[in-house]
Amino acid sequence: MKRNLLTAIALGSGAVLCASGASTGATISIGDCLGASCAPTTIATGSGSVSIAGAPLGATWSITASATGSPPLAATSLDSNTITVQAAGGGTAKVAVTQQGNNSPFGAYPYLSSMSVNPGTSSPAGFTVVETTLNDPANGLYTQAAADILSTDTFTVLRADGPFSNTGLVDGPAPFSVTSLYTITAPAGCTAAAPCSFNLTINLSSTVPEPASLTILGSALIGLAWLSRRHKPT
């Protein structure tokens, strides 16, 4: 009986561990573009984490960015650790970070979105930064559709906001994506001699356990109960 119990526990625990890494195949991409309605193109991609340093955007913008997703973070989490944008002229630029291929947890579940234009950043008066988080059941890259928005926040001064709690769309059974989107409008006072600098972050994470893990754990407990009753003396 003990051997059977240990086997059931080992199988159940292993199944839970496998399910907790269910987003192993997720891919993170960073994209940028110029213009208020532009569609970002990829400048960096990777699995688990990705970064780019000093990528030029047009003649006057420069992008430094890094992001970490799941794994190593918990399933369906995406932290844009550092987004630093420098502008030597006025105009609008977009930076998007998308994690595609998420496959847990499926269903409609809440996210927390924390956003900031970090204290200590040197930026002139007249800038605007719009930070948005999105959840796309169609697994899109750099999603901007209004229907997929979880949270959006407009910054005209340096501050941190959130976390905001919003329920994502119904995901599954196909993989889905999450996106952190930044729209930065620099004032005309930004120059090559005195470039404007914007230091931005969004942390996005699901807030409930994976349903798949709970289902497997429940199955394991049922198995333990069945074994216990099977070997109970009569």
C-alpha atoms as a PDB file:
ATOM      1  CA  MET A   1       0.000   0.000   0.000  1.00  0.00           C
ATOM      2  CA  LYS A   2       2.779   2.467   0.912  1.00  0.00           C
ATOM      3  CA  ARG A   3       4.490   1.790  -2.399  1.00  0.00           C
ATOM      4  CA  ASN A   4       1.257   2.518  -4.281  1.00  0.00           C
ATOM      5  CA  LEU A   5       0.693   5.708  -2.284  1.00  0.00           C
ATOM      6  CA  LEU A   6       4.214   6.940  -2.956  1.00  0.00           C
ATOM      7  CA  THR A   7       3.803   6.163  -6.659  1.00  0.00           C
ATOM      8  CA  ALA A   8       0.539   8.106  -6.833  1.00  0.00           C
ATOM      9  CA  ILE A   9       2.077  11.083  -4.981  1.00  0.00           C
ATOM     10  CA  ALA A  10       5.109  11.093  -7.272  1.00  0.00           C
ATOM     11  CA  LEU A  11       2.977  10.927 -10.402  1.00  0.00           C
ATOM     12  CA  GLY A  12       0.655  13.663  -9.179  1.00  0.00           C
ATOM     13  CA  SER A  13       3.526  15.963  -8.140  1.00  0.00           C
ATOM     14  CA  GLY A  14       5.330  15.442 -11.429  1.00  0.00           C
ATOM     15  CA  ALA A  15       2.199  16.262 -13.372  1.00  0.00           C
ATOM     16  CA  VAL A  16       1.734  19.510 -11.430  1.00  0.00           C
ATOM     17  CA  LEU A  17       5.342  20.526 -12.054  1.00  0.00           C
ATOM     18  CA  CYS A  18       4.967  19.847 -15.776  1.00  0.00           C
ATOM     19  CA  ALA A  19       1.769  21.879 -15.935  1.00  0.00           C
ATOM     20  CA  SER A  20       3.349  24.829 -14.072  1.00  0.00           C
ATOM     21  CA  GLY A  21       5.823  25.152 -16.951  1.00  0.00           C
ATOM     22  CA  ALA A  22       3.122  24.985 -19.583  1.00  0.00           C
ATOM     23  CA  SER A  23       4.225  28.284 -21.184  1.00  0.00           C
ATOM     24  CA  THR A  24       7.729  26.942 -21.877  1.00  0.00           C
ATOM     25  CA  GLY A  25       7.347  27.565 -25.616  1.00  0.00           C
ATOM     26  CA  ALA A  26       6.389  31.250 -25.221  1.00  0.00           C
ATOM     27  CA  THR A  27       8.368  33.760 -27.310  1.00  0.00           C
ATOM     28  CA  ILE A  28       9.009  37.406 -26.410  1.00  0.00           C
ATOM     29  CA  SER A  29       9.417  40.031 -29.153  1.00  0.00           C
ATOM     30  CA  ILE A  30      10.254  43.747 -28.980  1.00  0.00           C
ATOM     31  CA  GLY A  31       9.132  46.029 -31.819  1.00  0.00           C
ATOM     32  CA  ASP A  32       9.172  49.761 -32.540  1.00  0.00           C
ATOM     33  CA  CYS A  33       7.964  52.288 -35.108  1.00  0.00           C
ATOM     34  CA  LEU A  34       7.428  56.022 -35.710  1.00  0.00           C
ATOM     35  CA  GLY A  35       3.984  57.631 -35.838  1.00  0.00           C
ATOM     36  CA  ALA A  36       0.802  57.668 -33.781  1.00  0.00           C
ATOM     37  CA  SER A  37      -0.887  54.891 -35.802  1.00  0.00           C
ATOM     38  CA  CYS A  38       2.160  52.882 -36.934  1.00  0.00           C
ATOM     39  CA  ALA A  39       2.545  49.088 -36.672  1.00  0.00           C
ATOM     40  CA  PRO A  40       5.755  48.069 -34.833  1.00  0.00           C
ATOM     41  CA  THR A  41       8.314  45.839 -36.540  1.00  0.00           C
ATOM     42  CA  THR A  42      10.540  43.424 -34.612  1.00  0.00           C
ATOM     43  CA  ILE A  43      13.953  44.574 -33.384  1.00  0.00           C
ATOM     44  CA  ALA A  44      14.614  41.699 -30.948  1.00  0.00           C
ATOM     45  CA  THR A  45      13.144  38.301 -30.065  1.00  0.00           C
ATOM     46  CA  GLY A  46      13.907  35.497 -27.620  1.00  0.00           C
ATOM     47  CA  SER A  47      12.544  32.917 -25.188  1.00  0.00           C
ATOM     48  CA  GLY A  48      12.241  33.750 -21.482  1.00  0.00           C
ATOM     49  CA  SER A  49      14.031  37.090 -21.839  1.00  0.00           C
ATOM     50  CA  VAL A  50      15.083  39.491 -24.569  1.00  0.00           C
ATOM     51  CA  SER A  51      16.961  42.804 -24.758  1.00  0.00           C
ATOM     52  CA  ILE A  52      18.148  45.457 -27.200  1.00  0.00           C
ATOM     53  CA  ALA A  53      20.579  48.319 -26.529  1.00  0.00           C
ATOM     54  CA  GLY A  54      20.577  51.626 -28.348  1.00  0.00           C
ATOM     55  CA  ALA A  55      18.562  50.519 -31.395  1.00  0.00           C
ATOM     56  CA  PRO A  56      18.123  53.501 -33.748  1.00  0.00           C
ATOM     57  CA  LEU A  57      14.604  54.513 -34.744  1.00  0.00           C
ATOM     58  CA  GLY A  58      14.507  57.044 -37.535  1.00  0.00           C
ATOM     59  CA  ALA A  59      17.066  59.846 -37.440  1.00  0.00           C
ATOM     60  CA  THR A  60      16.409  61.124 -33.924  1.00  0.00           C
ATOM     61  CA  TRP A  61      15.172  58.284 -31.685  1.00  0.00           C
ATOM     62  CA  SER A  62      17.050  55.534 -29.822  1.00  0.00           C
ATOM     63  CA  ILE A  63      15.520  52.519 -28.019  1.00  0.00           C
ATOM     64  CA  THR A  64      17.016  50.456 -25.184  1.00  0.00           C
ATOM     65  CA  ALA A  65      14.700  47.717 -23.946  1.00  0.00           C
ATOM     66  CA  SER A  66      14.592  44.441 -22.026  1.00  0.00           C
ATOM     67  CA  ALA A  67      11.793  42.117 -20.981  1.00  0.00           C
ATOM     68  CA  THR A  68      11.336  38.897 -19.017  1.00  0.00           C
ATOM     69  CA  GLY A  69       8.397  36.519 -19.380  1.00  0.00           C
ATOM     70  CA  SER A  70       7.293  33.006 -18.465  1.00  0.00           C
ATOM     71  CA  PRO A  71       9.380  31.122 -17.709  1.00  0.00           C
ATOM     72  CA  PRO A  72      11.255  32.090 -15.556  1.00  0.00           C
ATOM     73  CA  LEU A  73       8.339  34.178 -14.285  1.00  0.00           C
ATOM     74  CA  ALA A  74       5.044  32.568 -13.309  1.00  0.00           C
ATOM     75  CA  ALA A  75       2.778  31.443 -16.133  1.00  0.00           C
ATOM     76  CA  THR A  76       1.560  34.334 -18.286  1.00  0.00           C
ATOM     77  CA  SER A  77       3.660  37.104 -16.766  1.00  0.00           C
ATOM     78  CA  LEU A  78       5.500  39.739 -18.795  1.00  0.00           C
ATOM     79  CA  ASP A  79       7.770  42.338 -17.206  1.00  0.00           C
ATOM     80  CA  SER A  80       9.205  45.015 -19.471  1.00  0.00           C
ATOM     81  CA  ASN A  81      12.125  45.537 -17.114  1.00  0.00           C
ATOM     82  CA  THR A  82      13.604  48.621 -18.787  1.00  0.00           C
ATOM     83  CA  ILE A  83      12.311  50.661 -21.698  1.00  0.00           C
ATOM     84  CA  THR A  84      14.498  53.747 -22.217  1.00  0.00           C
ATOM     85  CA  VAL A  85      13.664  55.967 -25.163  1.00  0.00           C
ATOM     86  CA  GLN A  86      15.716  59.006 -26.179  1.00  0.00           C
ATOM     87  CA  ALA A  87      14.443  61.606 -28.631  1.00  0.00           C
ATOM     88  CA  ALA A  88      16.503  64.341 -30.288  1.00  0.00           C
ATOM     89  CA  GLY A  89      13.416  65.916 -31.820  1.00  0.00           C
ATOM     90  CA  GLY A  90       9.656  66.105 -31.473  1.00  0.00           C
ATOM     91  CA  GLY A  91       7.252  63.420 -32.655  1.00  0.00           C
ATOM     92  CA  THR A  92       5.640  60.117 -31.670  1.00  0.00           C
ATOM     93  CA  ALA A  93       7.194  56.668 -31.363  1.00  0.00           C
ATOM     94  CA  LYS A  94       5.804  53.282 -30.321  1.00  0.00           C
ATOM     95  CA  VAL A  95       7.527  50.437 -28.494  1.00  0.00           C
ATOM     96  CA  ALA A  96       5.703  47.121 -28.064  1.00  0.00           C
ATOM     97  CA  VAL A  97       6.669  43.989 -26.122  1.00  0.00           C
ATOM     98  CA  THR A  98       4.648  40.843 -26.894  1.00  0.00           C
ATOM     99  CA  GLN A  99       4.821  37.357 -25.406  1.00  0.00           C
ATOM    100  CA  GLN A 100       3.235  34.840 -27.803  1.00  0.00           C
ATOM    101  CA  GLY A 101       2.507  31.148 -27.320  1.00  0.00           C
ATOM    102  CA  ASN A 102       1.090  31.319 -23.790  1.00  0.00           C
ATOM    103  CA  ASN A 103      -1.004  28.236 -23.059  1.00  0.00           C
ATOM    104  CA  SER A 104      -1.920  28.555 -19.409  1.00  0.00           C
ATOM    105  CA  PRO A 105      -4.118  29.315 -17.681  1.00  0.00           C
ATOM    106  CA  PHE A 106      -6.945  29.078 -20.200  1.00  0.00           C
ATOM    107  CA  GLY A 107     -10.282  30.776 -19.672  1.00  0.00           C
ATOM    108  CA  ALA A 108     -11.186  34.278 -18.452  1.00  0.00           C
ATOM    109  CA  TYR A 109      -8.973  35.251 -15.525  1.00  0.00           C
ATOM    110  CA  PRO A 110      -7.701  38.481 -13.917  1.00  0.00           C
ATOM    111  CA  TYR A 111      -4.428  40.279 -14.680  1.00  0.00           C
ATOM    112  CA  LEU A 112      -2.548  42.880 -12.677  1.00  0.00           C
ATOM    113  CA  SER A 113      -1.031  45.728 -14.698  1.00  0.00           C
ATOM    114  CA  SER A 114       1.524  48.020 -13.015  1.00  0.00           C
ATOM    115  CA  MET A 115       2.747  50.996 -15.087  1.00  0.00           C
ATOM    116  CA  SER A 116       5.207  53.826 -14.588  1.00  0.00           C
ATOM    117  CA  VAL A 117       7.236  56.623 -16.034  1.00  0.00           C
ATOM    118  CA  ASN A 118       9.942  56.160 -13.458  1.00  0.00           C
ATOM    119  CA  PRO A 119      10.810  58.799 -10.862  1.00  0.00           C
ATOM    120  CA  GLY A 120      14.208  60.332 -11.529  1.00  0.00           C
ATOM    121  CA  THR A 121      13.823  60.268 -15.320  1.00  0.00           C
ATOM    122  CA  SER A 122      14.798  63.518 -17.023  1.00  0.00           C
ATOM    123  CA  SER A 123      11.954  64.599 -19.323  1.00  0.00           C
ATOM    124  CA  PRO A 124      10.832  68.099 -20.312  1.00  0.00           C
ATOM    125  CA  ALA A 125       7.365  69.498 -19.897  1.00  0.00           C
ATOM    126  CA  GLY A 126       4.999  68.708 -22.740  1.00  0.00           C
ATOM    127  CA  PHE A 127       5.650  64.971 -23.154  1.00  0.00           C
ATOM    128  CA  THR A 128       2.894  62.340 -23.193  1.00  0.00           C
ATOM    129  CA  VAL A 129       3.346  58.603 -22.628  1.00  0.00           C
ATOM    130  CA  VAL A 130       0.418  56.191 -23.026  1.00  0.00           C
ATOM    131  CA  GLU A 131       1.042  52.733 -21.562  1.00  0.00           C
ATOM    132  CA  THR A 132      -1.356  49.901 -22.424  1.00  0.00           C
ATOM    133  CA  THR A 133      -1.604  46.181 -21.646  1.00  0.00           C
ATOM    134  CA  LEU A 134      -3.430  43.802 -23.974  1.00  0.00           C
ATOM    135  CA  ASN A 135      -4.535  40.160 -23.999  1.00  0.00           C
ATOM    136  CA  ASP A 136      -5.107  38.631 -27.471  1.00  0.00           C
ATOM    137  CA  PRO A 137      -6.767  35.178 -27.729  1.00  0.00           C
ATOM    138  CA  ALA A 138      -5.663  35.079 -31.407  1.00  0.00           C
ATOM    139  CA  ASN A 139      -1.964  35.089 -30.344  1.00  0.00           C
ATOM    140  CA  GLY A 140      -1.246  38.264 -32.341  1.00  0.00           C
ATOM    141  CA  LEU A 141       2.091  40.102 -32.434  1.00  0.00           C
ATOM    142  CA  TYR A 142       2.106  43.711 -31.123  1.00  0.00           C
ATOM    143  CA  THR A 143      -1.672  43.706 -30.706  1.00  0.00           C
ATOM    144  CA  GLN A 144      -3.266  47.173 -30.664  1.00  0.00           C
ATOM    145  CA  ALA A 145      -6.976  46.295 -30.976  1.00  0.00           C
ATOM    146  CA  ALA A 146      -9.241  48.167 -28.562  1.00  0.00           C
ATOM    147  CA  ALA A 147     -11.164  44.944 -27.847  1.00  0.00           C
ATOM    148  CA  ASP A 148      -8.005  43.356 -26.410  1.00  0.00           C
ATOM    149  CA  ILE A 149      -7.092  46.155 -23.957  1.00  0.00           C
ATOM    150  CA  LEU A 150      -6.726  45.170 -20.310  1.00  0.00           C
ATOM    151  CA  SER A 151      -5.586  48.540 -18.938  1.00  0.00           C
ATOM    152  CA  THR A 152      -4.415  51.873 -20.335  1.00  0.00           C
ATOM    153  CA  ASP A 153      -2.844  54.838 -18.565  1.00  0.00           C
ATOM    154  CA  THR A 154      -1.720  58.261 -19.801  1.00  0.00           C
ATOM    155  CA  PHE A 155       1.299  59.967 -18.220  1.00  0.00           C
ATOM    156  CA  THR A 156       2.161  63.662 -18.547  1.00  0.00           C
ATOM    157  CA  VAL A 157       4.304  63.718 -15.396  1.00  0.00           C
ATOM    158  CA  LEU A 158       6.669  61.230 -13.767  1.00  0.00           C
ATOM    159  CA  ARG A 159       4.764  58.749 -11.573  1.00  0.00           C
ATOM    160  CA  ALA A 160       3.844  55.085 -10.995  1.00  0.00           C
ATOM    161  CA  ASP A 161       0.269  53.758 -11.179  1.00  0.00           C
ATOM    162  CA  GLY A 162      -1.451  50.499 -10.331  1.00  0.00           C
ATOM    163  CA  PRO A 163      -1.609  47.643 -10.056  1.00  0.00           C
ATOM    164  CA  PHE A 164      -4.860  47.693 -12.011  1.00  0.00           C
ATOM    165  CA  SER A 165      -6.920  44.492 -11.985  1.00  0.00           C
ATOM    166  CA  ASN A 166      -8.706  43.561 -15.214  1.00  0.00           C
ATOM    167  CA  THR A 167     -10.182  40.306 -16.431  1.00  0.00           C
ATOM    168  CA  GLY A 168      -8.617  39.037 -19.640  1.00  0.00           C
ATOM    169  CA  LEU A 169     -10.511  37.600 -22.579  1.00  0.00           C
ATOM    170  CA  VAL A 170     -11.492  33.925 -22.777  1.00  0.00           C
ATOM    171  CA  ASP A 171      -8.274  32.203 -23.876  1.00  0.00           C
ATOM    172  CA  GLY A 172      -8.027  28.649 -25.160  1.00  0.00           C
ATOM    173  CA  PRO A 173      -7.672  26.077 -26.356  1.00  0.00           C
ATOM    174  CA  ALA A 174      -5.175  27.722 -28.767  1.00  0.00           C
ATOM    175  CA  PRO A 175      -2.124  29.678 -27.492  1.00  0.00           C
ATOM    176  CA  PHE A 176      -2.663  33.371 -26.761  1.00  0.00           C
ATOM    177  CA  SER A 177      -0.480  36.485 -26.489  1.00  0.00           C
ATOM    178  CA  VAL A 178      -0.064  39.402 -24.080  1.00  0.00           C
ATOM    179  CA  THR A 179       1.411  42.784 -25.025  1.00  0.00           C
ATOM    180  CA  SER A 180       2.854  45.825 -23.259  1.00  0.00           C
ATOM    181  CA  LEU A 181       2.494  48.857 -25.549  1.00  0.00           C
ATOM    182  CA  TYR A 182       4.126  52.289 -25.141  1.00  0.00           C
ATOM    183  CA  THR A 183       3.194  55.354 -27.207  1.00  0.00           C
ATOM    184  CA  ILE A 184       5.652  58.189 -26.504  1.00  0.00           C
ATOM    185  CA  THR A 185       5.101  61.719 -27.790  1.00  0.00           C
ATOM    186  CA  ALA A 186       8.124  63.990 -27.371  1.00  0.00           C
ATOM    187  CA  PRO A 187       7.822  67.798 -27.451  1.00  0.00           C
ATOM    188  CA  ALA A 188       9.536  69.933 -30.064  1.00  0.00           C
ATOM    189  CA  GLY A 189      12.027  71.088 -27.433  1.00  0.00           C
ATOM    190  CA  CYS A 190      13.941  67.793 -27.617  1.00  0.00           C
ATOM    191  CA  THR A 191      17.227  68.353 -29.489  1.00  0.00           C
ATOM    192  CA  ALA A 192      20.445  66.503 -30.300  1.00  0.00           C
ATOM    193  CA  ALA A 193      22.283  68.716 -27.811  1.00  0.00           C
ATOM    194  CA  ALA A 194      19.676  68.078 -25.108  1.00  0.00           C
ATOM    195  CA  PRO A 195      17.804  64.832 -25.968  1.00  0.00           C
ATOM    196  CA  CYS A 196      14.675  63.886 -24.052  1.00  0.00           C
ATOM    197  CA  SER A 197      14.890  60.657 -22.078  1.00  0.00           C
ATOM    198  CA  PHE A 198      11.934  58.490 -21.040  1.00  0.00           C
ATOM    199  CA  ASN A 199      12.366  55.529 -18.646  1.00  0.00           C
ATOM    200  CA  LEU A 200       9.240  53.346 -18.708  1.00  0.00           C
ATOM    201  CA  THR A 201       8.009  50.041 -17.258  1.00  0.00           C
ATOM    202  CA  ILE A 202       4.962  47.777 -17.370  1.00  0.00           C
ATOM    203  CA  ASN A 203       4.635  44.613 -15.271  1.00  0.00           C
ATOM    204  CA  LEU A 204       1.789  42.318 -16.358  1.00  0.00           C
ATOM    205  CA  SER A 205       0.845  39.083 -14.598  1.00  0.00           C
ATOM    206  CA  SER A 206      -2.052  36.681 -14.207  1.00  0.00           C
ATOM    207  CA  THR A 207      -3.238  36.395 -10.618  1.00  0.00           C
ATOM    208  CA  VAL A 208      -4.779  32.919 -10.300  1.00  0.00           C
ATOM    209  CA  PRO A 209      -3.253  29.414 -10.304  1.00  0.00           C
ATOM    210  CA  GLU A 210      -3.255  27.457 -13.526  1.00  0.00           C
ATOM    211  CA  PRO A 211      -6.543  25.507 -13.855  1.00  0.00           C
ATOM    212  CA  ALA A 212      -4.622  22.653 -15.465  1.00  0.00           C
ATOM    213  CA  SER A 213      -2.433  22.292 -12.384  1.00  0.00           C
ATOM    214  CA  LEU A 214      -5.432  22.291 -10.053  1.00  0.00           C
ATOM    215  CA  THR A 215      -7.206  19.683 -12.170  1.00  0.00           C
ATOM    216  CA  ILE A 216      -4.186  17.392 -12.157  1.00  0.00           C
ATOM    217  CA  LEU A 217      -3.691  17.875  -8.421  1.00  0.00           C
ATOM    218  CA  GLY A 218      -7.355  17.040  -7.834  1.00  0.00           C
ATOM    219  CA  SER A 219      -6.999  13.890  -9.939  1.00  0.00           C
ATOM    220  CA  ALA A 220      -3.972  12.845  -7.905  1.00  0.00           C
ATOM    221  CA  LEU A 221      -5.874  13.317  -4.633  1.00  0.00           C
ATOM    222  CA  ILE A 222      -8.787  11.269  -5.972  1.00  0.00           C
ATOM    223  CA  GLY A 223      -6.305   8.540  -6.862  1.00  0.00           C
ATOM    224  CA  LEU A 224      -4.882   8.597  -3.342  1.00  0.00           C
ATOM    225  CA  ALA A 225      -8.354   8.308  -1.840  1.00  0.00           C
ATOM    226  CA  TRP A 226      -9.154   5.349  -4.139  1.00  0.00           C
ATOM    227  CA  LEU A 227      -5.945   3.548  -3.166  1.00  0.00           C
ATOM    228  CA  SER A 228      -6.626   4.182   0.506  1.00  0.00           C
ATOM    229  CA  ARG A 229     -10.140   2.712   0.284  1.00  0.00           C
ATOM    230  CA  ARG A 230      -8.917  -0.211  -1.805  1.00  0.00           C
ATOM    231  CA  HIS A 231      -6.467  -1.294   0.894  1.00  0.00           C
ATOM    232  CA  LYS A 232      -8.657  -0.437   3.894  1.00  0.00           C
ATOM    233  CA  PRO A 233      -9.100  -3.488   6.183  1.00  0.00           C
ATOM    234  CA  THR A 234     -12.623  -4.893   6.292  1.00  0.00           C
END
